[in-house]
Amino acid sequence: MATIRTTTKTPKKTTTDPVEPASCQPCGGSGNVAITVRVGRKRRPVGQQDGLCLNCLGEGTAPDA
């Protein structure tokens, strides 16, 4: 004769913690990248300025995430 189970297992926790989206690799999550400024006829570099990250379009999160 088969035994009857009298206790039940407790249900497993199914809620997950919210996952933070991955940061964009080229800009490091800031949304800005350094762009070299060139001047003169020979186009020599004189400095850098901030530019919009074209990978994430300034959001700072990875587009694949």
Protein backbone atom coordinates (compact mmCIF):
# COMPACT_ATOMS: atom_id res chain seq x y z
CA MET A 1 0.00 0.00 0.00
CA ALA A 2 1.35 3.46 -0.93
CA THR A 3 1.97 5.99 1.78
CA ILE A 4 0.08 9.27 1.70
CA ARG A 5 2.10 12.46 1.89
CA THR A 6 0.85 14.63 4.72
CA THR A 7 3.21 17.62 4.43
CA THR A 8 3.59 20.00 1.51
CA LYS A 9 6.68 21.77 0.27
CA THR A 10 6.87 25.50 0.77
CA PRO A 11 6.59 27.42 -2.51
CA LYS A 12 9.85 28.80 -3.86
CA LYS A 13 10.36 32.52 -4.09
CA THR A 14 9.61 33.55 -7.68
CA THR A 15 10.08 37.30 -7.44
CA THR A 16 13.38 38.57 -8.77
CA ASP A 17 15.29 41.65 -7.85
CA PRO A 18 15.16 44.42 -10.48
CA VAL A 19 18.14 44.15 -12.79
CA GLU A 20 20.08 47.31 -13.49
CA PRO A 21 20.65 47.85 -17.24
CA ALA A 22 24.20 47.45 -18.47
CA SER A 23 26.16 50.61 -19.19
CA CYS A 24 27.28 51.50 -22.70
CA GLN A 25 30.83 50.39 -23.47
CA PRO A 26 32.20 53.38 -25.49
CA CYS A 27 30.93 56.14 -23.18
CA GLY A 28 30.98 54.22 -19.89
CA GLY A 29 27.36 55.13 -19.12
CA SER A 30 27.78 58.92 -19.27
CA GLY A 31 26.29 59.42 -22.76
CA ASN A 32 29.24 61.63 -23.79
CA VAL A 33 32.43 60.74 -25.62
CA ALA A 34 35.52 62.84 -26.27
CA ILE A 35 35.83 64.11 -29.84
CA THR A 36 39.15 65.48 -31.12
CA VAL A 37 38.97 69.04 -32.47
CA ARG A 38 41.13 69.65 -35.55
CA VAL A 39 42.04 73.04 -36.98
CA GLY A 40 44.13 74.47 -39.79
CA ARG A 41 44.93 73.44 -43.31
CA LYS A 42 46.89 70.39 -42.14
CA ARG A 43 44.06 69.50 -39.71
CA ARG A 44 46.24 69.29 -36.60
CA PRO A 45 44.53 68.28 -33.34
CA VAL A 46 44.29 71.07 -30.75
CA GLY A 47 42.02 69.61 -28.09
CA GLN A 48 38.90 67.63 -27.31
CA GLN A 49 35.26 68.40 -26.74
CA ASP A 50 32.30 66.37 -25.52
CA GLY A 51 30.13 64.75 -28.14
CA LEU A 52 27.02 62.58 -28.14
CA CYS A 53 27.67 58.84 -27.98
CA LEU A 54 26.39 57.34 -31.22
CA ASN A 55 26.19 53.83 -29.77
CA CYS A 56 23.54 54.60 -27.14
CA LEU A 57 22.44 58.05 -28.41
CA GLY A 58 23.16 59.69 -25.07
CA GLU A 59 21.11 57.35 -22.85
CA GLY A 60 24.12 55.68 -21.24
CA THR A 61 22.63 52.17 -21.36
CA ALA A 62 23.75 49.42 -23.72
CA PRO A 63 21.46 49.19 -26.75
CA ASP A 64 21.40 45.36 -26.59
CA ALA A 65 20.26 45.26 -22.97
